[in-house]
Amino acid sequence: MKIIALVSALALLPLAGACTSPAATTTAVAGAPMQIADATPNVGPKGEPLVCRRLKVTGTRFAKKECKTEEAWAEYDEYTNSNARESTDKFQRLNSGCSTQAEGGC
């Protein structure tokens, strides 16, 4: 019974350094500097604001975070939408018309 009381009392004690704030940057495993999330605003190399999106990745439940400028996102959206339209049109062309008739003639 004394051991349980001692363990619970130790759990309530604050850890050394628990109240200190983190440094502005930390180092990664390879030694390259890594920014802490939300430490700096999302700004591009030319000072323009970045917009971040979470993209679904096939084969995993975890989304991938990607940040781009508004202009880059507009180009990305146009590219993916045109690919989707082209794929749909190709599928509809191949699966309609005389080639799908059981009789073989139109």
PDB file of N, CA and C in Angstrom:
ATOM      1  N   MET A   1       0.818  -1.184   0.000  1.00  0.00           N
ATOM      2  CA  MET A   1       0.000   0.000   0.000  1.00  0.00           C
ATOM      3  C   MET A   1       0.865   1.252   0.000  1.00  0.00           C
ATOM      4  N   LYS A   2       2.011   1.204   0.692  1.00  0.00           N
ATOM      5  CA  LYS A   2       2.903   2.347   0.746  1.00  0.00           C
ATOM      6  C   LYS A   2       3.534   2.618  -0.617  1.00  0.00           C
ATOM      7  N   ILE A   3       3.759   1.557  -1.382  1.00  0.00           N
ATOM      8  CA  ILE A   3       4.374   1.719  -2.704  1.00  0.00           C
ATOM      9  C   ILE A   3       3.422   2.459  -3.632  1.00  0.00           C
ATOM     10  N   ILE A   4       2.151   2.136  -3.599  1.00  0.00           N
ATOM     11  CA  ILE A   4       1.166   2.806  -4.448  1.00  0.00           C
ATOM     12  C   ILE A   4       1.075   4.285  -4.089  1.00  0.00           C
ATOM     13  N   ALA A   5       1.081   4.596  -2.800  1.00  0.00           N
ATOM     14  CA  ALA A   5       1.014   5.990  -2.370  1.00  0.00           C
ATOM     15  C   ALA A   5       2.265   6.747  -2.800  1.00  0.00           C
ATOM     16  N   LEU A   6       3.429   6.088  -2.738  1.00  0.00           N
ATOM     17  CA  LEU A   6       4.676   6.722  -3.138  1.00  0.00           C
ATOM     18  C   LEU A   6       4.693   6.985  -4.643  1.00  0.00           C
ATOM     19  N   VAL A   7       4.236   6.012  -5.426  1.00  0.00           N
ATOM     20  CA  VAL A   7       4.213   6.162  -6.877  1.00  0.00           C
ATOM     21  C   VAL A   7       3.250   7.271  -7.278  1.00  0.00           C
ATOM     22  N   SER A   8       2.066   7.317  -6.662  1.00  0.00           N
ATOM     23  CA  SER A   8       1.101   8.360  -7.004  1.00  0.00           C
ATOM     24  C   SER A   8       1.598   9.736  -6.564  1.00  0.00           C
ATOM     25  N   ALA A   9       2.335   9.811  -5.469  1.00  0.00           N
ATOM     26  CA  ALA A   9       2.897  11.089  -5.029  1.00  0.00           C
ATOM     27  C   ALA A   9       3.985  11.559  -5.989  1.00  0.00           C
ATOM     28  N   LEU A  10       4.783  10.630  -6.497  1.00  0.00           N
ATOM     29  CA  LEU A  10       5.823  10.996  -7.457  1.00  0.00           C
ATOM     30  C   LEU A  10       5.214  11.452  -8.778  1.00  0.00           C
ATOM     31  N   ALA A  11       4.080  10.894  -9.149  1.00  0.00           N
ATOM     32  CA  ALA A  11       3.430  11.273 -10.394  1.00  0.00           C
ATOM     33  C   ALA A  11       2.921  12.708 -10.338  1.00  0.00           C
ATOM     34  N   LEU A  12       2.620  13.196  -9.150  1.00  0.00           N
ATOM     35  CA  LEU A  12       2.110  14.552  -9.002  1.00  0.00           C
ATOM     36  C   LEU A  12       3.198  15.603  -8.981  1.00  0.00           C
ATOM     37  N   LEU A  13       4.437  15.215  -8.767  1.00  0.00           N
ATOM     38  CA  LEU A  13       5.541  16.167  -8.731  1.00  0.00           C
ATOM     39  C   LEU A  13       5.829  16.685 -10.135  1.00  0.00           C
ATOM     40  N   PRO A  14       6.092  17.974 -10.291  1.00  0.00           N
ATOM     41  CA  PRO A  14       6.412  18.503 -11.617  1.00  0.00           C
ATOM     42  C   PRO A  14       7.789  18.017 -12.064  1.00  0.00           C
ATOM     43  N   LEU A  15       7.887  17.778 -13.348  1.00  0.00           N
ATOM     44  CA  LEU A  15       9.163  17.359 -13.924  1.00  0.00           C
ATOM     45  C   LEU A  15      10.064  18.563 -14.091  1.00  0.00           C
ATOM     46  N   ALA A  16      11.345  18.349 -13.995  1.00  0.00           N
ATOM     47  CA  ALA A  16      12.311  19.436 -14.188  1.00  0.00           C
ATOM     48  C   ALA A  16      12.245  19.895 -15.634  1.00  0.00           C
ATOM     49  N   GLY A  17      12.023  21.162 -15.848  1.00  0.00           N
ATOM     50  CA  GLY A  17      11.968  21.705 -17.199  1.00  0.00           C
ATOM     51  C   GLY A  17      10.607  21.563 -17.857  1.00  0.00           C
ATOM     52  N   ALA A  18       9.594  21.109 -17.134  1.00  0.00           N
ATOM     53  CA  ALA A  18       8.279  20.922 -17.736  1.00  0.00           C
ATOM     54  C   ALA A  18       7.632  22.254 -18.078  1.00  0.00           C
ATOM     55  N   CYS A  19       8.006  23.295 -17.385  1.00  0.00           N
ATOM     56  CA  CYS A  19       7.384  24.593 -17.610  1.00  0.00           C
ATOM     57  C   CYS A  19       8.191  25.470 -18.555  1.00  0.00           C
ATOM     58  N   THR A  20       9.294  24.998 -19.063  1.00  0.00           N
ATOM     59  CA  THR A  20      10.102  25.817 -19.952  1.00  0.00           C
ATOM     60  C   THR A  20       9.521  25.786 -21.347  1.00  0.00           C
ATOM     61  N   SER A  21       9.697  26.858 -22.085  1.00  0.00           N
ATOM     62  CA  SER A  21       9.200  26.931 -23.453  1.00  0.00           C
ATOM     63  C   SER A  21      10.232  26.323 -24.395  1.00  0.00           C
ATOM     64  N   PRO A  22       9.764  25.760 -25.534  1.00  0.00           N
ATOM     65  CA  PRO A  22      10.709  25.152 -26.480  1.00  0.00           C
ATOM     66  C   PRO A  22      11.515  26.216 -27.207  1.00  0.00           C
ATOM     67  N   ALA A  23      12.634  25.824 -27.741  1.00  0.00           N
ATOM     68  CA  ALA A  23      13.487  26.725 -28.516  1.00  0.00           C
ATOM     69  C   ALA A  23      12.818  27.030 -29.851  1.00  0.00           C
ATOM     70  N   ALA A  24      13.307  28.039 -30.531  1.00  0.00           N
ATOM     71  CA  ALA A  24      12.709  28.444 -31.801  1.00  0.00           C
ATOM     72  C   ALA A  24      12.922  27.387 -32.875  1.00  0.00           C
ATOM     73  N   THR A  25      14.066  26.742 -32.865  1.00  0.00           N
ATOM     74  CA  THR A  25      14.326  25.679 -33.835  1.00  0.00           C
ATOM     75  C   THR A  25      14.898  24.476 -33.110  1.00  0.00           C
ATOM     76  N   THR A  26      14.713  23.343 -33.715  1.00  0.00           N
ATOM     77  CA  THR A  26      15.309  22.120 -33.207  1.00  0.00           C
ATOM     78  C   THR A  26      16.117  21.507 -34.335  1.00  0.00           C
ATOM     79  N   THR A  27      16.942  20.550 -34.026  1.00  0.00           N
ATOM     80  CA  THR A  27      17.717  19.907 -35.069  1.00  0.00           C
ATOM     81  C   THR A  27      17.136  18.532 -35.359  1.00  0.00           C
ATOM     82  N   ALA A  28      17.108  18.187 -36.617  1.00  0.00           N
ATOM     83  CA  ALA A  28      16.614  16.884 -37.040  1.00  0.00           C
ATOM     84  C   ALA A  28      17.711  15.847 -36.857  1.00  0.00           C
ATOM     85  N   VAL A  29      17.405  14.622 -37.211  1.00  0.00           N
ATOM     86  CA  VAL A  29      18.378  13.541 -37.056  1.00  0.00           C
ATOM     87  C   VAL A  29      19.607  13.784 -37.909  1.00  0.00           C
ATOM     88  N   ALA A  30      19.402  14.310 -39.105  1.00  0.00           N
ATOM     89  CA  ALA A  30      20.526  14.539 -40.012  1.00  0.00           C
ATOM     90  C   ALA A  30      21.311  15.794 -39.651  1.00  0.00           C
ATOM     91  N   GLY A  31      20.830  16.571 -38.692  1.00  0.00           N
ATOM     92  CA  GLY A  31      21.533  17.772 -38.284  1.00  0.00           C
ATOM     93  C   GLY A  31      21.041  19.030 -38.958  1.00  0.00           C
ATOM     94  N   ALA A  32      20.062  18.916 -39.866  1.00  0.00           N
ATOM     95  CA  ALA A  32      19.525  20.088 -40.539  1.00  0.00           C
ATOM     96  C   ALA A  32      18.509  20.775 -39.632  1.00  0.00           C
ATOM     97  N   PRO A  33      18.441  22.109 -39.661  1.00  0.00           N
ATOM     98  CA  PRO A  33      17.469  22.788 -38.804  1.00  0.00           C
ATOM     99  C   PRO A  33      16.046  22.499 -39.243  1.00  0.00           C
ATOM    100  N   MET A  34      15.151  22.396 -38.280  1.00  0.00           N
ATOM    101  CA  MET A  34      13.760  22.090 -38.564  1.00  0.00           C
ATOM    102  C   MET A  34      12.902  23.066 -37.766  1.00  0.00           C
ATOM    103  N   GLN A  35      11.966  23.720 -38.400  1.00  0.00           N
ATOM    104  CA  GLN A  35      11.112  24.683 -37.723  1.00  0.00           C
ATOM    105  C   GLN A  35      10.037  23.956 -36.931  1.00  0.00           C
ATOM    106  N   ILE A  36       9.712  24.492 -35.784  1.00  0.00           N
ATOM    107  CA  ILE A  36       8.612  23.970 -34.990  1.00  0.00           C
ATOM    108  C   ILE A  36       7.324  24.450 -35.631  1.00  0.00           C
ATOM    109  N   ALA A  37       6.299  23.597 -35.645  1.00  0.00           N
ATOM    110  CA  ALA A  37       5.027  23.958 -36.247  1.00  0.00           C
ATOM    111  C   ALA A  37       4.459  25.201 -35.570  1.00  0.00           C
ATOM    112  N   ASP A  38       3.903  26.076 -36.378  1.00  0.00           N
ATOM    113  CA  ASP A  38       3.273  27.310 -35.935  1.00  0.00           C
ATOM    114  C   ASP A  38       4.258  28.307 -35.308  1.00  0.00           C
ATOM    115  N   ALA A  39       5.553  28.114 -35.453  1.00  0.00           N
ATOM    116  CA  ALA A  39       6.522  29.063 -34.909  1.00  0.00           C
ATOM    117  C   ALA A  39       6.651  30.278 -35.823  1.00  0.00           C
ATOM    118  N   THR A  40       6.503  30.059 -37.134  1.00  0.00           N
ATOM    119  CA  THR A  40       6.591  31.151 -38.086  1.00  0.00           C
ATOM    120  C   THR A  40       5.368  31.122 -38.992  1.00  0.00           C
ATOM    121  N   PRO A  41       4.929  32.265 -39.519  1.00  0.00           N
ATOM    122  CA  PRO A  41       3.784  32.269 -40.429  1.00  0.00           C
ATOM    123  C   PRO A  41       4.170  31.636 -41.761  1.00  0.00           C
ATOM    124  N   ASN A  42       3.173  31.155 -42.478  1.00  0.00           N
ATOM    125  CA  ASN A  42       3.414  30.527 -43.771  1.00  0.00           C
ATOM    126  C   ASN A  42       3.627  31.600 -44.823  1.00  0.00           C
ATOM    127  N   VAL A  43       4.885  31.790 -45.188  1.00  0.00           N
ATOM    128  CA  VAL A  43       5.254  32.804 -46.172  1.00  0.00           C
ATOM    129  C   VAL A  43       6.185  32.148 -47.182  1.00  0.00           C
ATOM    130  N   GLY A  44       5.943  32.433 -48.456  1.00  0.00           N
ATOM    131  CA  GLY A  44       6.754  31.874 -49.520  1.00  0.00           C
ATOM    132  C   GLY A  44       8.098  32.560 -49.629  1.00  0.00           C
ATOM    133  N   PRO A  45       8.931  32.129 -50.581  1.00  0.00           N
ATOM    134  CA  PRO A  45      10.268  32.706 -50.726  1.00  0.00           C
ATOM    135  C   PRO A  45      10.253  34.171 -51.140  1.00  0.00           C
ATOM    136  N   LYS A  46       9.199  34.619 -51.815  1.00  0.00           N
ATOM    137  CA  LYS A  46       9.106  36.017 -52.238  1.00  0.00           C
ATOM    138  C   LYS A  46       8.231  36.845 -51.302  1.00  0.00           C
ATOM    139  N   GLY A  47       7.827  36.273 -50.171  1.00  0.00           N
ATOM    140  CA  GLY A  47       7.033  37.007 -49.203  1.00  0.00           C
ATOM    141  C   GLY A  47       5.533  36.845 -49.373  1.00  0.00           C
ATOM    142  N   GLU A  48       5.095  36.079 -50.356  1.00  0.00           N
ATOM    143  CA  GLU A  48       3.665  35.890 -50.578  1.00  0.00           C
ATOM    144  C   GLU A  48       3.115  34.858 -49.583  1.00  0.00           C
ATOM    145  N   PRO A  49       1.848  34.986 -49.189  1.00  0.00           N
ATOM    146  CA  PRO A  49       1.280  34.035 -48.219  1.00  0.00           C
ATOM    147  C   PRO A  49       1.067  32.659 -48.850  1.00  0.00           C
ATOM    148  N   LEU A  50       1.264  31.621 -48.063  1.00  0.00           N
ATOM    149  CA  LEU A  50       1.064  30.258 -48.519  1.00  0.00           C
ATOM    150  C   LEU A  50      -0.246  29.716 -47.966  1.00  0.00           C
ATOM    151  N   VAL A  51      -0.898  28.884 -48.773  1.00  0.00           N
ATOM    152  CA  VAL A  51      -2.124  28.212 -48.365  1.00  0.00           C
ATOM    153  C   VAL A  51      -1.789  26.729 -48.264  1.00  0.00           C
ATOM    154  N   CYS A  52      -2.105  26.136 -47.114  1.00  0.00           N
ATOM    155  CA  CYS A  52      -1.803  24.721 -46.891  1.00  0.00           C
ATOM    156  C   CYS A  52      -3.059  23.884 -47.034  1.00  0.00           C
ATOM    157  N   ARG A  53      -2.914  22.727 -47.664  1.00  0.00           N
ATOM    158  CA  ARG A  53      -4.002  21.761 -47.817  1.00  0.00           C
ATOM    159  C   ARG A  53      -3.503  20.402 -47.358  1.00  0.00           C
ATOM    160  N   ARG A  54      -4.436  19.567 -46.948  1.00  0.00           N
ATOM    161  CA  ARG A  54      -4.117  18.182 -46.602  1.00  0.00           C
ATOM    162  C   ARG A  54      -4.595  17.309 -47.758  1.00  0.00           C
ATOM    163  N   LEU A  55      -3.671  16.603 -48.390  1.00  0.00           N
ATOM    164  CA  LEU A  55      -3.979  15.761 -49.541  1.00  0.00           C
ATOM    165  C   LEU A  55      -4.011  14.300 -49.127  1.00  0.00           C
ATOM    166  N   LYS A  56      -4.992  13.577 -49.621  1.00  0.00           N
ATOM    167  CA  LYS A  56      -5.090  12.154 -49.327  1.00  0.00           C
ATOM    168  C   LYS A  56      -4.021  11.403 -50.110  1.00  0.00           C
ATOM    169  N   VAL A  57      -3.416  10.413 -49.462  1.00  0.00           N
ATOM    170  CA  VAL A  57      -2.370   9.612 -50.076  1.00  0.00           C
ATOM    171  C   VAL A  57      -2.873   8.172 -50.135  1.00  0.00           C
ATOM    172  N   THR A  58      -2.824   7.572 -51.314  1.00  0.00           N
ATOM    173  CA  THR A  58      -3.274   6.206 -51.471  1.00  0.00           C
ATOM    174  C   THR A  58      -2.372   5.264 -50.681  1.00  0.00           C
ATOM    175  N   GLY A  59      -2.988   4.361 -49.931  1.00  0.00           N
ATOM    176  CA  GLY A  59      -2.232   3.364 -49.186  1.00  0.00           C
ATOM    177  C   GLY A  59      -1.953   3.732 -47.745  1.00  0.00           C
ATOM    178  N   THR A  60      -2.417   4.881 -47.290  1.00  0.00           N
ATOM    179  CA  THR A  60      -2.202   5.284 -45.910  1.00  0.00           C
ATOM    180  C   THR A  60      -3.403   6.079 -45.409  1.00  0.00           C
ATOM    181  N   ARG A  61      -3.582   6.080 -44.112  1.00  0.00           N
ATOM    182  CA  ARG A  61      -4.669   6.855 -43.521  1.00  0.00           C
ATOM    183  C   ARG A  61      -4.239   8.284 -43.233  1.00  0.00           C
ATOM    184  N   PHE A  62      -2.959   8.546 -43.337  1.00  0.00           N
ATOM    185  CA  PHE A  62      -2.425   9.854 -42.982  1.00  0.00           C
ATOM    186  C   PHE A  62      -2.389  10.774 -44.195  1.00  0.00           C
ATOM    187  N   ALA A  63      -2.910  11.972 -44.025  1.00  0.00           N
ATOM    188  CA  ALA A  63      -2.904  12.952 -45.104  1.00  0.00           C
ATOM    189  C   ALA A  63      -1.540  13.632 -45.172  1.00  0.00           C
ATOM    190  N   LYS A  64      -1.202  14.073 -46.361  1.00  0.00           N
ATOM    191  CA  LYS A  64       0.069  14.765 -46.579  1.00  0.00           C
ATOM    192  C   LYS A  64      -0.226  16.263 -46.636  1.00  0.00           C
ATOM    193  N   LYS A  65       0.481  17.049 -45.849  1.00  0.00           N
ATOM    194  CA  LYS A  65       0.287  18.494 -45.836  1.00  0.00           C
ATOM    195  C   LYS A  65       1.183  19.120 -46.890  1.00  0.00           C
ATOM    196  N   GLU A  66       0.566  19.937 -47.736  1.00  0.00           N
ATOM    197  CA  GLU A  66       1.324  20.606 -48.787  1.00  0.00           C
ATOM    198  C   GLU A  66       0.936  22.080 -48.807  1.00  0.00           C
ATOM    199  N   CYS A  67       1.919  22.955 -48.850  1.00  0.00           N
ATOM    200  CA  CYS A  67       1.681  24.397 -48.846  1.00  0.00           C
ATOM    201  C   CYS A  67       2.171  25.004 -50.159  1.00  0.00           C
ATOM    202  N   LYS A  68       1.303  25.815 -50.786  1.00  0.00           N
ATOM    203  CA  LYS A  68       1.631  26.496 -52.039  1.00  0.00           C
ATOM    204  C   LYS A  68       0.986  27.875 -52.026  1.00  0.00           C
ATOM    205  N   THR A  69       1.381  28.697 -52.990  1.00  0.00           N
ATOM    206  CA  THR A  69       0.737  30.006 -53.143  1.00  0.00           C
ATOM    207  C   THR A  69      -0.622  29.811 -53.806  1.00  0.00           C
ATOM    208  N   GLU A  70      -1.456  30.844 -53.751  1.00  0.00           N
ATOM    209  CA  GLU A  70      -2.784  30.783 -54.387  1.00  0.00           C
ATOM    210  C   GLU A  70      -2.652  30.496 -55.880  1.00  0.00           C
ATOM    211  N   GLU A  71      -1.683  31.143 -56.515  1.00  0.00           N
ATOM    212  CA  GLU A  71      -1.473  30.947 -57.952  1.00  0.00           C
ATOM    213  C   GLU A  71      -1.067  29.505 -58.264  1.00  0.00           C
ATOM    214  N   ALA A  72      -0.191  28.936 -57.452  1.00  0.00           N
ATOM    215  CA  ALA A  72       0.250  27.558 -57.670  1.00  0.00           C
ATOM    216  C   ALA A  72      -0.906  26.586 -57.449  1.00  0.00           C
ATOM    217  N   TRP A  73      -1.758  26.854 -56.437  1.00  0.00           N
ATOM    218  CA  TRP A  73      -2.921  25.985 -56.219  1.00  0.00           C
ATOM    219  C   TRP A  73      -3.892  26.081 -57.385  1.00  0.00           C
ATOM    220  N   ALA A  74      -4.070  27.265 -57.974  1.00  0.00           N
ATOM    221  CA  ALA A  74      -4.957  27.416 -59.133  1.00  0.00           C
ATOM    222  C   ALA A  74      -4.437  26.591 -60.312  1.00  0.00           C
ATOM    223  N   GLU A  75      -3.122  26.629 -60.550  1.00  0.00           N
ATOM    224  CA  GLU A  75      -2.525  25.825 -61.621  1.00  0.00           C
ATOM    225  C   GLU A  75      -2.676  24.334 -61.336  1.00  0.00           C
ATOM    226  N   TYR A  76      -2.473  23.935 -60.092  1.00  0.00           N
ATOM    227  CA  TYR A  76      -2.609  22.528 -59.692  1.00  0.00           C
ATOM    228  C   TYR A  76      -4.046  22.048 -59.907  1.00  0.00           C
ATOM    229  N   ASP A  77      -5.018  22.865 -59.481  1.00  0.00           N
ATOM    230  CA  ASP A  77      -6.424  22.491 -59.642  1.00  0.00           C
ATOM    231  C   ASP A  77      -6.806  22.385 -61.110  1.00  0.00           C
ATOM    232  N   GLU A  78      -6.339  23.319 -61.930  1.00  0.00           N
ATOM    233  CA  GLU A  78      -6.639  23.273 -63.366  1.00  0.00           C
ATOM    234  C   GLU A  78      -6.036  22.016 -63.999  1.00  0.00           C
ATOM    235  N   TYR A  79      -4.812  21.684 -63.633  1.00  0.00           N
ATOM    236  CA  TYR A  79      -4.143  20.495 -64.171  1.00  0.00           C
ATOM    237  C   TYR A  79      -4.894  19.218 -63.793  1.00  0.00           C
ATOM    238  N   THR A  80      -5.258  19.067 -62.526  1.00  0.00           N
ATOM    239  CA  THR A  80      -5.944  17.847 -62.092  1.00  0.00           C
ATOM    240  C   THR A  80      -7.351  17.767 -62.673  1.00  0.00           C
ATOM    241  N   ASN A  81      -8.043  18.909 -62.789  1.00  0.00           N
ATOM    242  CA  ASN A  81      -9.383  18.894 -63.382  1.00  0.00           C
ATOM    243  C   ASN A  81      -9.337  18.542 -64.865  1.00  0.00           C
ATOM    244  N   SER A  82      -8.346  19.051 -65.595  1.00  0.00           N
ATOM    245  CA  SER A  82      -8.245  18.727 -67.021  1.00  0.00           C
ATOM    246  C   SER A  82      -7.911  17.249 -67.206  1.00  0.00           C
ATOM    247  N   ASN A  83      -7.079  16.683 -66.334  1.00  0.00           N
ATOM    248  CA  ASN A  83      -6.786  15.246 -66.416  1.00  0.00           C
ATOM    249  C   ASN A  83      -8.031  14.422 -66.137  1.00  0.00           C
ATOM    250  N   ALA A  84      -8.852  14.845 -65.180  1.00  0.00           N
ATOM    251  CA  ALA A  84     -10.078  14.117 -64.864  1.00  0.00           C
ATOM    252  C   ALA A  84     -11.053  14.179 -66.036  1.00  0.00           C
ATOM    253  N   ARG A  85     -11.203  15.362 -66.659  1.00  0.00           N
ATOM    254  CA  ARG A  85     -12.097  15.490 -67.821  1.00  0.00           C
ATOM    255  C   ARG A  85     -11.612  14.625 -68.977  1.00  0.00           C
ATOM    256  N   GLU A  86     -10.314  14.643 -69.233  1.00  0.00           N
ATOM    257  CA  GLU A  86      -9.756  13.859 -70.335  1.00  0.00           C
ATOM    258  C   GLU A  86      -9.955  12.363 -70.111  1.00  0.00           C
ATOM    259  N   SER A  87      -9.743  11.905 -68.898  1.00  0.00           N
ATOM    260  CA  SER A  87      -9.926  10.479 -68.591  1.00  0.00           C
ATOM    261  C   SER A  87     -11.376  10.075 -68.732  1.00  0.00           C
ATOM    262  N   THR A  88     -12.298  10.918 -68.289  1.00  0.00           N
ATOM    263  CA  THR A  88     -13.728  10.616 -68.409  1.00  0.00           C
ATOM    264  C   THR A  88     -14.146  10.579 -69.866  1.00  0.00           C
ATOM    265  N   ASP A  89     -13.697  11.543 -70.655  1.00  0.00           N
ATOM    266  CA  ASP A  89     -14.040  11.574 -72.074  1.00  0.00           C
ATOM    267  C   ASP A  89     -13.509  10.338 -72.795  1.00  0.00           C
ATOM    268  N   LYS A  90     -12.276   9.936 -72.495  1.00  0.00           N
ATOM    269  CA  LYS A  90     -11.680   8.751 -73.123  1.00  0.00           C
ATOM    270  C   LYS A  90     -12.475   7.505 -72.776  1.00  0.00           C
ATOM    271  N   PHE A  91     -12.862   7.356 -71.522  1.00  0.00           N
ATOM    272  CA  PHE A  91     -13.638   6.194 -71.097  1.00  0.00           C
ATOM    273  C   PHE A  91     -14.984   6.161 -71.809  1.00  0.00           C
ATOM    274  N   GLN A  92     -15.637   7.309 -71.927  1.00  0.00           N
ATOM    275  CA  GLN A  92     -16.935   7.359 -72.581  1.00  0.00           C
ATOM    276  C   GLN A  92     -16.827   7.094 -74.076  1.00  0.00           C
ATOM    277  N   ARG A  93     -15.755   7.544 -74.716  1.00  0.00           N
ATOM    278  CA  ARG A  93     -15.570   7.280 -76.149  1.00  0.00           C
ATOM    279  C   ARG A  93     -15.351   5.789 -76.401  1.00  0.00           C
ATOM    280  N   LEU A  94     -14.565   5.143 -75.547  1.00  0.00           N
ATOM    281  CA  LEU A  94     -14.258   3.728 -75.743  1.00  0.00           C
ATOM    282  C   LEU A  94     -15.424   2.817 -75.407  1.00  0.00           C
ATOM    283  N   ASN A  95     -16.297   3.231 -74.525  1.00  0.00           N
ATOM    284  CA  ASN A  95     -17.377   2.373 -74.070  1.00  0.00           C
ATOM    285  C   ASN A  95     -18.742   2.790 -74.601  1.00  0.00           C
ATOM    286  N   SER A  96     -18.791   3.469 -75.730  1.00  0.00           N
ATOM    287  CA  SER A  96     -20.054   3.835 -76.333  1.00  0.00           C
ATOM    288  C   SER A  96     -19.944   3.660 -77.836  1.00  0.00           C
ATOM    289  N   GLY A  97     -21.077   3.640 -78.508  1.00  0.00           N
ATOM    290  CA  GLY A  97     -21.071   3.546 -79.959  1.00  0.00           C
ATOM    291  C   GLY A  97     -21.123   2.111 -80.442  1.00  0.00           C
ATOM    292  N   CYS A  98     -20.671   1.906 -81.654  1.00  0.00           N
ATOM    293  CA  CYS A  98     -20.768   0.612 -82.313  1.00  0.00           C
ATOM    294  C   CYS A  98     -19.930  -0.472 -81.654  1.00  0.00           C
ATOM    295  N   SER A  99     -18.847  -0.130 -81.032  1.00  0.00           N
ATOM    296  CA  SER A  99     -17.965  -1.133 -80.457  1.00  0.00           C
ATOM    297  C   SER A  99     -18.606  -1.867 -79.290  1.00  0.00           C
ATOM    298  N   THR A 100     -19.663  -1.300 -78.683  1.00  0.00           N
ATOM    299  CA  THR A 100     -20.311  -1.963 -77.549  1.00  0.00           C
ATOM    300  C   THR A 100     -21.559  -2.722 -77.956  1.00  0.00           C
ATOM    301  N   GLN A 101     -21.935  -2.700 -79.240  1.00  0.00           N
ATOM    302  CA  GLN A 101     -23.137  -3.397 -79.701  1.00  0.00           C
ATOM    303  C   GLN A 101     -22.873  -4.880 -79.826  1.00  0.00           C
ATOM    304  N   ALA A 102     -23.783  -5.717 -79.339  1.00  0.00           N
ATOM    305  CA  ALA A 102     -23.619  -7.165 -79.383  1.00  0.00           C
ATOM    306  C   ALA A 102     -23.741  -7.694 -80.804  1.00  0.00           C
ATOM    307  N   GLU A 103     -24.514  -7.009 -81.660  1.00  0.00           N
ATOM    308  CA  GLU A 103     -24.711  -7.481 -83.037  1.00  0.00           C
ATOM    309  C   GLU A 103     -23.467  -7.265 -83.892  1.00  0.00           C
ATOM    310  N   GLY A 104     -22.677  -6.279 -83.536  1.00  0.00           N
ATOM    311  CA  GLY A 104     -21.461  -6.020 -84.288  1.00  0.00           C
ATOM    312  C   GLY A 104     -21.633  -4.950 -85.333  1.00  0.00           C
ATOM    313  N   GLY A 105     -22.833  -4.572 -85.691  1.00  0.00           N
ATOM    314  CA  GLY A 105     -23.042  -3.537 -86.703  1.00  0.00           C
ATOM    315  C   GLY A 105     -23.911  -2.411 -86.150  1.00  0.00           C
ATOM    316  N   CYS A 106     -23.827  -1.279 -86.823  1.00  0.00           N
ATOM    317  CA  CYS A 106     -24.626  -0.131 -86.371  1.00  0.00           C
ATOM    318  C   CYS A 106     -25.737   0.160 -87.320  1.00  0.00           C
TER     319      CYS A 106
END
